[in-house]
Amino acid sequence: MAKPVTTDDGQVTQAVSTITWTATDAGLLPGQFDLFTISAGPLPTKPKSLTFKAIQTYSNGDTVNWIEASVKGAPEPEHPAPVLELTKATGKH
């Protein structure tokens, strides 16, 4: 983190750079879908979006790299990276 951020809880001087979710039981089978949630903040005011490159690893060791950039006006890539679009706040949460 280049510059500390001050929050209600004090200064934040470190940032998370990797999150790992590990399946339990049978995990997700091919064709299944699930949501993976994080709680984060404060978020930057610039840029207008954040890209989260993701690498999905299956129990047999196969991986799918969800890291491809989506380009406006071009067909969506086979494995697009998840993107969070940032907008102005509309009120208190």
PDB file of N, CA and C in Angstrom:
ATOM      1  N   MET A   1       0.859  -1.161   0.000  1.00  0.00           N
ATOM      2  CA  MET A   1       0.000   0.000   0.000  1.00  0.00           C
ATOM      3  C   MET A   1       0.904   1.221   0.000  1.00  0.00           C
ATOM      4  N   ALA A   2       0.720   2.099  -0.948  1.00  0.00           N
ATOM      5  CA  ALA A   2       1.589   3.252  -1.121  1.00  0.00           C
ATOM      6  C   ALA A   2       1.441   4.278  -0.009  1.00  0.00           C
ATOM      7  N   LYS A   3       0.218   4.522   0.447  1.00  0.00           N
ATOM      8  CA  LYS A   3      -0.024   5.574   1.430  1.00  0.00           C
ATOM      9  C   LYS A   3      -1.061   5.066   2.429  1.00  0.00           C
ATOM     10  N   PRO A   4      -0.806   5.220   3.729  1.00  0.00           N
ATOM     11  CA  PRO A   4      -1.791   4.757   4.724  1.00  0.00           C
ATOM     12  C   PRO A   4      -3.142   5.434   4.535  1.00  0.00           C
ATOM     13  N   VAL A   5      -4.201   4.707   4.865  1.00  0.00           N
ATOM     14  CA  VAL A   5      -5.565   5.219   4.802  1.00  0.00           C
ATOM     15  C   VAL A   5      -6.088   5.312   6.227  1.00  0.00           C
ATOM     16  N   THR A   6      -6.706   6.441   6.572  1.00  0.00           N
ATOM     17  CA  THR A   6      -7.256   6.608   7.906  1.00  0.00           C
ATOM     18  C   THR A   6      -8.746   6.279   7.875  1.00  0.00           C
ATOM     19  N   THR A   7      -9.165   5.379   8.773  1.00  0.00           N
ATOM     20  CA  THR A   7     -10.571   4.999   8.891  1.00  0.00           C
ATOM     21  C   THR A   7     -11.043   5.312  10.304  1.00  0.00           C
ATOM     22  N   ASP A   8     -12.305   5.026  10.594  1.00  0.00           N
ATOM     23  CA  ASP A   8     -12.824   5.215  11.948  1.00  0.00           C
ATOM     24  C   ASP A   8     -12.098   4.344  12.958  1.00  0.00           C
ATOM     25  N   ASP A   9     -11.488   3.254  12.478  1.00  0.00           N
ATOM     26  CA  ASP A   9     -10.780   2.326  13.356  1.00  0.00           C
ATOM     27  C   ASP A   9      -9.287   2.614  13.449  1.00  0.00           C
ATOM     28  N   GLY A  10      -8.805   3.646  12.788  1.00  0.00           N
ATOM     29  CA  GLY A  10      -7.381   3.977  12.815  1.00  0.00           C
ATOM     30  C   GLY A  10      -6.782   3.902  11.430  1.00  0.00           C
ATOM     31  N   GLN A  11      -5.428   3.862  11.373  1.00  0.00           N
ATOM     32  CA  GLN A  11      -4.739   3.829  10.084  1.00  0.00           C
ATOM     33  C   GLN A  11      -4.610   2.404   9.567  1.00  0.00           C
ATOM     34  N   VAL A  12      -4.793   2.263   8.261  1.00  0.00           N
ATOM     35  CA  VAL A  12      -4.589   0.997   7.582  1.00  0.00           C
ATOM     36  C   VAL A  12      -3.305   1.139   6.778  1.00  0.00           C
ATOM     37  N   THR A  13      -2.334   0.278   7.059  1.00  0.00           N
ATOM     38  CA  THR A  13      -1.037   0.368   6.386  1.00  0.00           C
ATOM     39  C   THR A  13      -0.733  -0.860   5.538  1.00  0.00           C
ATOM     40  N   GLN A  14      -1.636  -1.856   5.557  1.00  0.00           N
ATOM     41  CA  GLN A  14      -1.446  -3.055   4.749  1.00  0.00           C
ATOM     42  C   GLN A  14      -2.718  -3.326   3.965  1.00  0.00           C
ATOM     43  N   ALA A  15      -2.562  -3.948   2.810  1.00  0.00           N
ATOM     44  CA  ALA A  15      -3.717  -4.277   1.977  1.00  0.00           C
ATOM     45  C   ALA A  15      -3.690  -5.759   1.627  1.00  0.00           C
ATOM     46  N   VAL A  16      -4.861  -6.335   1.503  1.00  0.00           N
ATOM     47  CA  VAL A  16      -4.984  -7.730   1.091  1.00  0.00           C
ATOM     48  C   VAL A  16      -4.719  -7.801  -0.406  1.00  0.00           C
ATOM     49  N   SER A  17      -3.895  -8.742  -0.835  1.00  0.00           N
ATOM     50  CA  SER A  17      -3.618  -8.882  -2.262  1.00  0.00           C
ATOM     51  C   SER A  17      -4.083 -10.230  -2.807  1.00  0.00           C
ATOM     52  N   THR A  18      -4.413 -11.167  -1.923  1.00  0.00           N
ATOM     53  CA  THR A  18      -4.860 -12.490  -2.357  1.00  0.00           C
ATOM     54  C   THR A  18      -5.947 -12.991  -1.422  1.00  0.00           C
ATOM     55  N   ILE A  19      -7.005 -13.554  -2.008  1.00  0.00           N
ATOM     56  CA  ILE A  19      -8.062 -14.198  -1.225  1.00  0.00           C
ATOM     57  C   ILE A  19      -8.209 -15.612  -1.767  1.00  0.00           C
ATOM     58  N   THR A  20      -8.271 -16.597  -0.873  1.00  0.00           N
ATOM     59  CA  THR A  20      -8.428 -17.987  -1.288  1.00  0.00           C
ATOM     60  C   THR A  20      -9.681 -18.562  -0.658  1.00  0.00           C
ATOM     61  N   TRP A  21     -10.571 -19.093  -1.504  1.00  0.00           N
ATOM     62  CA  TRP A  21     -11.726 -19.841  -1.025  1.00  0.00           C
ATOM     63  C   TRP A  21     -11.418 -21.303  -1.283  1.00  0.00           C
ATOM     64  N   THR A  22     -11.653 -22.151  -0.299  1.00  0.00           N
ATOM     65  CA  THR A  22     -11.391 -23.582  -0.434  1.00  0.00           C
ATOM     66  C   THR A  22     -12.690 -24.349  -0.288  1.00  0.00           C
ATOM     67  N   ALA A  23     -12.966 -25.222  -1.252  1.00  0.00           N
ATOM     68  CA  ALA A  23     -14.204 -26.008  -1.248  1.00  0.00           C
ATOM     69  C   ALA A  23     -14.190 -27.027  -0.118  1.00  0.00           C
ATOM     70  N   THR A  24     -15.382 -27.317   0.360  1.00  0.00           N
ATOM     71  CA  THR A  24     -15.559 -28.383   1.332  1.00  0.00           C
ATOM     72  C   THR A  24     -16.445 -29.448   0.699  1.00  0.00           C
ATOM     73  N   ASP A  25     -16.480 -30.597   1.295  1.00  0.00           N
ATOM     74  CA  ASP A  25     -17.283 -31.710   0.784  1.00  0.00           C
ATOM     75  C   ASP A  25     -16.954 -31.941  -0.690  1.00  0.00           C
ATOM     76  N   ALA A  26     -17.950 -31.972  -1.552  1.00  0.00           N
ATOM     77  CA  ALA A  26     -17.734 -32.246  -2.983  1.00  0.00           C
ATOM     78  C   ALA A  26     -17.347 -30.994  -3.756  1.00  0.00           C
ATOM     79  N   GLY A  27     -17.430 -29.817  -3.140  1.00  0.00           N
ATOM     80  CA  GLY A  27     -17.108 -28.580  -3.842  1.00  0.00           C
ATOM     81  C   GLY A  27     -18.148 -28.270  -4.903  1.00  0.00           C
ATOM     82  N   LEU A  28     -17.759 -27.494  -5.898  1.00  0.00           N
ATOM     83  CA  LEU A  28     -18.653 -27.160  -7.007  1.00  0.00           C
ATOM     84  C   LEU A  28     -18.390 -28.128  -8.148  1.00  0.00           C
ATOM     85  N   LEU A  29     -19.435 -28.700  -8.657  1.00  0.00           N
ATOM     86  CA  LEU A  29     -19.311 -29.614  -9.778  1.00  0.00           C
ATOM     87  C   LEU A  29     -19.346 -28.832 -11.087  1.00  0.00           C
ATOM     88  N   PRO A  30     -18.837 -29.407 -12.190  1.00  0.00           N
ATOM     89  CA  PRO A  30     -18.886 -28.707 -13.478  1.00  0.00           C
ATOM     90  C   PRO A  30     -20.304 -28.233 -13.797  1.00  0.00           C
ATOM     91  N   GLY A  31     -20.410 -26.998 -14.256  1.00  0.00           N
ATOM     92  CA  GLY A  31     -21.706 -26.418 -14.598  1.00  0.00           C
ATOM     93  C   GLY A  31     -22.410 -25.752 -13.435  1.00  0.00           C
ATOM     94  N   GLN A  32     -21.913 -25.940 -12.207  1.00  0.00           N
ATOM     95  CA  GLN A  32     -22.521 -25.288 -11.046  1.00  0.00           C
ATOM     96  C   GLN A  32     -21.969 -23.877 -10.897  1.00  0.00           C
ATOM     97  N   PHE A  33     -22.724 -23.044 -10.181  1.00  0.00           N
ATOM     98  CA  PHE A  33     -22.372 -21.646  -9.988  1.00  0.00           C
ATOM     99  C   PHE A  33     -22.516 -21.310  -8.516  1.00  0.00           C
ATOM    100  N   ASP A  34     -21.685 -20.412  -8.029  1.00  0.00           N
ATOM    101  CA  ASP A  34     -21.825 -19.910  -6.674  1.00  0.00           C
ATOM    102  C   ASP A  34     -21.282 -18.495  -6.630  1.00  0.00           C
ATOM    103  N   LEU A  35     -21.657 -17.749  -5.609  1.00  0.00           N
ATOM    104  CA  LEU A  35     -21.144 -16.402  -5.393  1.00  0.00           C
ATOM    105  C   LEU A  35     -20.067 -16.450  -4.325  1.00  0.00           C
ATOM    106  N   PHE A  36     -19.021 -15.667  -4.510  1.00  0.00           N
ATOM    107  CA  PHE A  36     -17.939 -15.574  -3.544  1.00  0.00           C
ATOM    108  C   PHE A  36     -17.888 -14.120  -3.094  1.00  0.00           C
ATOM    109  N   THR A  37     -18.200 -13.884  -1.850  1.00  0.00           N
ATOM    110  CA  THR A  37     -18.415 -12.544  -1.333  1.00  0.00           C
ATOM    111  C   THR A  37     -17.225 -12.058  -0.516  1.00  0.00           C
ATOM    112  N   ILE A  38     -16.924 -10.762  -0.659  1.00  0.00           N
ATOM    113  CA  ILE A  38     -15.944 -10.108   0.201  1.00  0.00           C
ATOM    114  C   ILE A  38     -16.561  -8.815   0.721  1.00  0.00           C
ATOM    115  N   SER A  39     -16.047  -8.335   1.827  1.00  0.00           N
ATOM    116  CA  SER A  39     -16.431  -7.040   2.363  1.00  0.00           C
ATOM    117  C   SER A  39     -15.172  -6.181   2.354  1.00  0.00           C
ATOM    118  N   ALA A  40     -15.242  -5.015   1.737  1.00  0.00           N
ATOM    119  CA  ALA A  40     -14.046  -4.186   1.600  1.00  0.00           C
ATOM    120  C   ALA A  40     -14.401  -2.718   1.729  1.00  0.00           C
ATOM    121  N   GLY A  41     -13.429  -1.948   2.090  1.00  0.00           N
ATOM    122  CA  GLY A  41     -13.619  -0.515   2.125  1.00  0.00           C
ATOM    123  C   GLY A  41     -12.548   0.128   2.974  1.00  0.00           C
ATOM    124  N   PRO A  42     -12.330   1.401   2.849  1.00  0.00           N
ATOM    125  CA  PRO A  42     -12.957   2.258   1.860  1.00  0.00           C
ATOM    126  C   PRO A  42     -12.410   1.951   0.460  1.00  0.00           C
ATOM    127  N   LEU A  43     -13.250   2.186  -0.539  1.00  0.00           N
ATOM    128  CA  LEU A  43     -12.842   1.940  -1.915  1.00  0.00           C
ATOM    129  C   LEU A  43     -12.330   3.231  -2.529  1.00  0.00           C
ATOM    130  N   PRO A  44     -11.446   3.129  -3.518  1.00  0.00           N
ATOM    131  CA  PRO A  44     -10.889   4.345  -4.127  1.00  0.00           C
ATOM    132  C   PRO A  44     -11.943   5.103  -4.931  1.00  0.00           C
ATOM    133  N   THR A  45     -11.695   6.385  -5.135  1.00  0.00           N
ATOM    134  CA  THR A  45     -12.585   7.184  -5.970  1.00  0.00           C
ATOM    135  C   THR A  45     -12.117   7.165  -7.422  1.00  0.00           C
ATOM    136  N   LYS A  46     -10.882   6.830  -7.645  1.00  0.00           N
ATOM    137  CA  LYS A  46     -10.318   6.641  -8.985  1.00  0.00           C
ATOM    138  C   LYS A  46      -9.474   5.398  -8.903  1.00  0.00           C
ATOM    139  N   PRO A  47      -9.480   4.509  -9.804  1.00  0.00           N
ATOM    140  CA  PRO A  47     -10.158   4.486 -11.090  1.00  0.00           C
ATOM    141  C   PRO A  47     -11.648   4.221 -10.931  1.00  0.00           C
ATOM    142  N   LYS A  48     -12.353   4.105 -12.037  1.00  0.00           N
ATOM    143  CA  LYS A  48     -13.804   3.893 -12.021  1.00  0.00           C
ATOM    144  C   LYS A  48     -14.181   2.422 -11.873  1.00  0.00           C
ATOM    145  N   SER A  49     -13.191   1.530 -11.923  1.00  0.00           N
ATOM    146  CA  SER A  49     -13.474   0.105 -11.756  1.00  0.00           C
ATOM    147  C   SER A  49     -12.262  -0.598 -11.166  1.00  0.00           C
ATOM    148  N   LEU A  50     -12.510  -1.738 -10.560  1.00  0.00           N
ATOM    149  CA  LEU A  50     -11.453  -2.583 -10.022  1.00  0.00           C
ATOM    150  C   LEU A  50     -11.589  -3.963 -10.671  1.00  0.00           C
ATOM    151  N   THR A  51     -10.489  -4.499 -11.143  1.00  0.00           N
ATOM    152  CA  THR A  51     -10.485  -5.815 -11.764  1.00  0.00           C
ATOM    153  C   THR A  51      -9.873  -6.808 -10.789  1.00  0.00           C
ATOM    154  N   PHE A  52     -10.555  -7.934 -10.630  1.00  0.00           N
ATOM    155  CA  PHE A  52     -10.100  -8.980  -9.722  1.00  0.00           C
ATOM    156  C   PHE A  52      -9.762 -10.218 -10.539  1.00  0.00           C
ATOM    157  N   LYS A  53      -8.506 -10.407 -10.847  1.00  0.00           N
ATOM    158  CA  LYS A  53      -8.109 -11.594 -11.596  1.00  0.00           C
ATOM    159  C   LYS A  53      -8.281 -12.814 -10.693  1.00  0.00           C
ATOM    160  N   ALA A  54      -8.876 -13.866 -11.253  1.00  0.00           N
ATOM    161  CA  ALA A  54      -9.181 -15.054 -10.466  1.00  0.00           C
ATOM    162  C   ALA A  54      -8.636 -16.299 -11.153  1.00  0.00           C
ATOM    163  N   ILE A  55      -8.094 -17.200 -10.361  1.00  0.00           N
ATOM    164  CA  ILE A  55      -7.626 -18.487 -10.867  1.00  0.00           C
ATOM    165  C   ILE A  55      -8.424 -19.563 -10.155  1.00  0.00           C
ATOM    166  N   GLN A  56      -9.174 -20.325 -10.929  1.00  0.00           N
ATOM    167  CA  GLN A  56     -10.031 -21.385 -10.393  1.00  0.00           C
ATOM    168  C   GLN A  56      -9.282 -22.707 -10.536  1.00  0.00           C
ATOM    169  N   THR A  57      -9.118 -23.414  -9.414  1.00  0.00           N
ATOM    170  CA  THR A  57      -8.408 -24.688  -9.423  1.00  0.00           C
ATOM    171  C   THR A  57      -9.362 -25.803  -9.049  1.00  0.00           C
ATOM    172  N   TYR A  58      -9.390 -26.839  -9.872  1.00  0.00           N
ATOM    173  CA  TYR A  58     -10.256 -27.995  -9.635  1.00  0.00           C
ATOM    174  C   TYR A  58      -9.521 -29.047  -8.815  1.00  0.00           C
ATOM    175  N   SER A  59     -10.275 -29.966  -8.246  1.00  0.00           N
ATOM    176  CA  SER A  59      -9.690 -31.002  -7.388  1.00  0.00           C
ATOM    177  C   SER A  59      -8.682 -31.868  -8.123  1.00  0.00           C
ATOM    178  N   ASN A  60      -8.794 -31.970  -9.459  1.00  0.00           N
ATOM    179  CA  ASN A  60      -7.830 -32.774 -10.215  1.00  0.00           C
ATOM    180  C   ASN A  60      -6.587 -31.971 -10.603  1.00  0.00           C
ATOM    181  N   GLY A  61      -6.514 -30.695 -10.166  1.00  0.00           N
ATOM    182  CA  GLY A  61      -5.355 -29.858 -10.451  1.00  0.00           C
ATOM    183  C   GLY A  61      -5.516 -28.958 -11.667  1.00  0.00           C
ATOM    184  N   ASP A  62      -6.549 -29.193 -12.498  1.00  0.00           N
ATOM    185  CA  ASP A  62      -6.793 -28.316 -13.646  1.00  0.00           C
ATOM    186  C   ASP A  62      -7.120 -26.912 -13.155  1.00  0.00           C
ATOM    187  N   THR A  63      -6.724 -25.906 -13.929  1.00  0.00           N
ATOM    188  CA  THR A  63      -7.023 -24.523 -13.568  1.00  0.00           C
ATOM    189  C   THR A  63      -7.676 -23.796 -14.740  1.00  0.00           C
ATOM    190  N   VAL A  64      -8.481 -22.794 -14.410  1.00  0.00           N
ATOM    191  CA  VAL A  64      -9.036 -21.863 -15.395  1.00  0.00           C
ATOM    192  C   VAL A  64      -8.650 -20.471 -14.903  1.00  0.00           C
ATOM    193  N   ASN A  65      -7.998 -19.721 -15.777  1.00  0.00           N
ATOM    194  CA  ASN A  65      -7.550 -18.375 -15.429  1.00  0.00           C
ATOM    195  C   ASN A  65      -8.580 -17.357 -15.902  1.00  0.00           C
ATOM    196  N   TRP A  66      -9.343 -16.805 -14.975  1.00  0.00           N
ATOM    197  CA  TRP A  66     -10.345 -15.770 -15.263  1.00  0.00           C
ATOM    198  C   TRP A  66      -9.631 -14.426 -15.174  1.00  0.00           C
ATOM    199  N   ILE A  67      -8.782 -14.145 -16.156  1.00  0.00           N
ATOM    200  CA  ILE A  67      -7.902 -12.976 -16.083  1.00  0.00           C
ATOM    201  C   ILE A  67      -7.956 -12.109 -17.339  1.00  0.00           C
ATOM    202  N   GLU A  68      -8.768 -12.494 -18.321  1.00  0.00           N
ATOM    203  CA  GLU A  68      -8.780 -11.774 -19.592  1.00  0.00           C
ATOM    204  C   GLU A  68      -9.563 -10.465 -19.470  1.00  0.00           C
ATOM    205  N   ALA A  69      -8.994  -9.406 -20.025  1.00  0.00           N
ATOM    206  CA  ALA A  69      -9.644  -8.085 -19.983  1.00  0.00           C
ATOM    207  C   ALA A  69     -10.781  -8.027 -20.992  1.00  0.00           C
ATOM    208  N   SER A  70     -11.887  -7.444 -20.584  1.00  0.00           N
ATOM    209  CA  SER A  70     -12.997  -7.172 -21.501  1.00  0.00           C
ATOM    210  C   SER A  70     -12.742  -5.827 -22.156  1.00  0.00           C
ATOM    211  N   VAL A  71     -12.903  -5.777 -23.470  1.00  0.00           N
ATOM    212  CA  VAL A  71     -12.667  -4.549 -24.216  1.00  0.00           C
ATOM    213  C   VAL A  71     -13.994  -4.076 -24.796  1.00  0.00           C
ATOM    214  N   LYS A  72     -14.349  -2.817 -24.503  1.00  0.00           N
ATOM    215  CA  LYS A  72     -15.614  -2.261 -24.989  1.00  0.00           C
ATOM    216  C   LYS A  72     -15.683  -2.362 -26.512  1.00  0.00           C
ATOM    217  N   GLY A  73     -16.811  -2.890 -27.005  1.00  0.00           N
ATOM    218  CA  GLY A  73     -17.013  -3.036 -28.436  1.00  0.00           C
ATOM    219  C   GLY A  73     -16.487  -4.339 -29.013  1.00  0.00           C
ATOM    220  N   ALA A  74     -15.724  -5.088 -28.227  1.00  0.00           N
ATOM    221  CA  ALA A  74     -15.183  -6.369 -28.695  1.00  0.00           C
ATOM    222  C   ALA A  74     -15.989  -7.506 -28.067  1.00  0.00           C
ATOM    223  N   PRO A  75     -15.968  -8.684 -28.681  1.00  0.00           N
ATOM    224  CA  PRO A  75     -16.659  -9.822 -28.064  1.00  0.00           C
ATOM    225  C   PRO A  75     -16.078 -10.116 -26.680  1.00  0.00           C
ATOM    226  N   GLU A  76     -16.929 -10.601 -25.795  1.00  0.00           N
ATOM    227  CA  GLU A  76     -16.452 -10.927 -24.448  1.00  0.00           C
ATOM    228  C   GLU A  76     -15.471 -12.091 -24.528  1.00  0.00           C
ATOM    229  N   PRO A  77     -14.353 -12.005 -23.795  1.00  0.00           N
ATOM    230  CA  PRO A  77     -13.392 -13.098 -23.824  1.00  0.00           C
ATOM    231  C   PRO A  77     -13.968 -14.367 -23.190  1.00  0.00           C
ATOM    232  N   GLU A  78     -13.344 -15.479 -23.476  1.00  0.00           N
ATOM    233  CA  GLU A  78     -13.820 -16.761 -22.950  1.00  0.00           C
ATOM    234  C   GLU A  78     -13.766 -16.809 -21.428  1.00  0.00           C
ATOM    235  N   HIS A  79     -12.727 -16.223 -20.841  1.00  0.00           N
ATOM    236  CA  HIS A  79     -12.551 -16.241 -19.385  1.00  0.00           C
ATOM    237  C   HIS A  79     -12.288 -14.822 -18.879  1.00  0.00           C
ATOM    238  N   PRO A  80     -13.344 -13.978 -18.852  1.00  0.00           N
ATOM    239  CA  PRO A  80     -13.147 -12.585 -18.435  1.00  0.00           C
ATOM    240  C   PRO A  80     -12.841 -12.470 -16.940  1.00  0.00           C
ATOM    241  N   ALA A  81     -11.998 -11.509 -16.604  1.00  0.00           N
ATOM    242  CA  ALA A  81     -11.719 -11.214 -15.199  1.00  0.00           C
ATOM    243  C   ALA A  81     -12.934 -10.504 -14.599  1.00  0.00           C
ATOM    244  N   PRO A  82     -13.307 -10.843 -13.363  1.00  0.00           N
ATOM    245  CA  PRO A  82     -14.406 -10.122 -12.706  1.00  0.00           C
ATOM    246  C   PRO A  82     -14.043  -8.642 -12.528  1.00  0.00           C
ATOM    247  N   VAL A  83     -15.012  -7.762 -12.790  1.00  0.00           N
ATOM    248  CA  VAL A  83     -14.791  -6.317 -12.680  1.00  0.00           C
ATOM    249  C   VAL A  83     -15.862  -5.728 -11.773  1.00  0.00           C
ATOM    250  N   LEU A  84     -15.439  -4.899 -10.832  1.00  0.00           N
ATOM    251  CA  LEU A  84     -16.343  -4.162  -9.965  1.00  0.00           C
ATOM    252  C   LEU A  84     -16.376  -2.724 -10.448  1.00  0.00           C
ATOM    253  N   GLU A  85     -17.546  -2.272 -10.930  1.00  0.00           N
ATOM    254  CA  GLU A  85     -17.706  -0.893 -11.390  1.00  0.00           C
ATOM    255  C   GLU A  85     -17.979  -0.011 -10.169  1.00  0.00           C
ATOM    256  N   LEU A  86     -17.218   1.069 -10.018  1.00  0.00           N
ATOM    257  CA  LEU A  86     -17.370   1.976  -8.883  1.00  0.00           C
ATOM    258  C   LEU A  86     -18.205   3.174  -9.298  1.00  0.00           C
ATOM    259  N   THR A  87     -19.193   3.521  -8.477  1.00  0.00           N
ATOM    260  CA  THR A  87     -20.050   4.676  -8.737  1.00  0.00           C
ATOM    261  C   THR A  87     -20.085   5.544  -7.490  1.00  0.00           C
ATOM    262  N   LYS A  88     -20.612   6.748  -7.630  1.00  0.00           N
ATOM    263  CA  LYS A  88     -20.744   7.638  -6.487  1.00  0.00           C
ATOM    264  C   LYS A  88     -21.753   7.068  -5.504  1.00  0.00           C
ATOM    265  N   ALA A  89     -21.534   7.330  -4.231  1.00  0.00           N
ATOM    266  CA  ALA A  89     -22.468   6.884  -3.198  1.00  0.00           C
ATOM    267  C   ALA A  89     -23.804   7.578  -3.385  1.00  0.00           C
ATOM    268  N   THR A  90     -24.884   6.837  -3.091  1.00  0.00           N
ATOM    269  CA  THR A  90     -26.217   7.416  -3.238  1.00  0.00           C
ATOM    270  C   THR A  90     -26.881   7.685  -1.887  1.00  0.00           C
ATOM    271  N   GLY A  91     -26.181   7.437  -0.818  1.00  0.00           N
ATOM    272  CA  GLY A  91     -26.727   7.671   0.524  1.00  0.00           C
ATOM    273  C   GLY A  91     -25.991   6.850   1.542  1.00  0.00           C
ATOM    274  N   LYS A  92     -26.470   6.902   2.764  1.00  0.00           N
ATOM    275  CA  LYS A  92     -25.831   6.127   3.825  1.00  0.00           C
ATOM    276  C   LYS A  92     -26.196   4.662   3.677  1.00  0.00           C
ATOM    277  N   HIS A  93     -25.325   3.793   4.177  1.00  0.00           N
ATOM    278  CA  HIS A  93     -25.593   2.360   4.125  1.00  0.00           C
ATOM    279  C   HIS A  93     -25.988   1.838   5.446  1.00  0.00           C
TER     280      HIS A  93
END
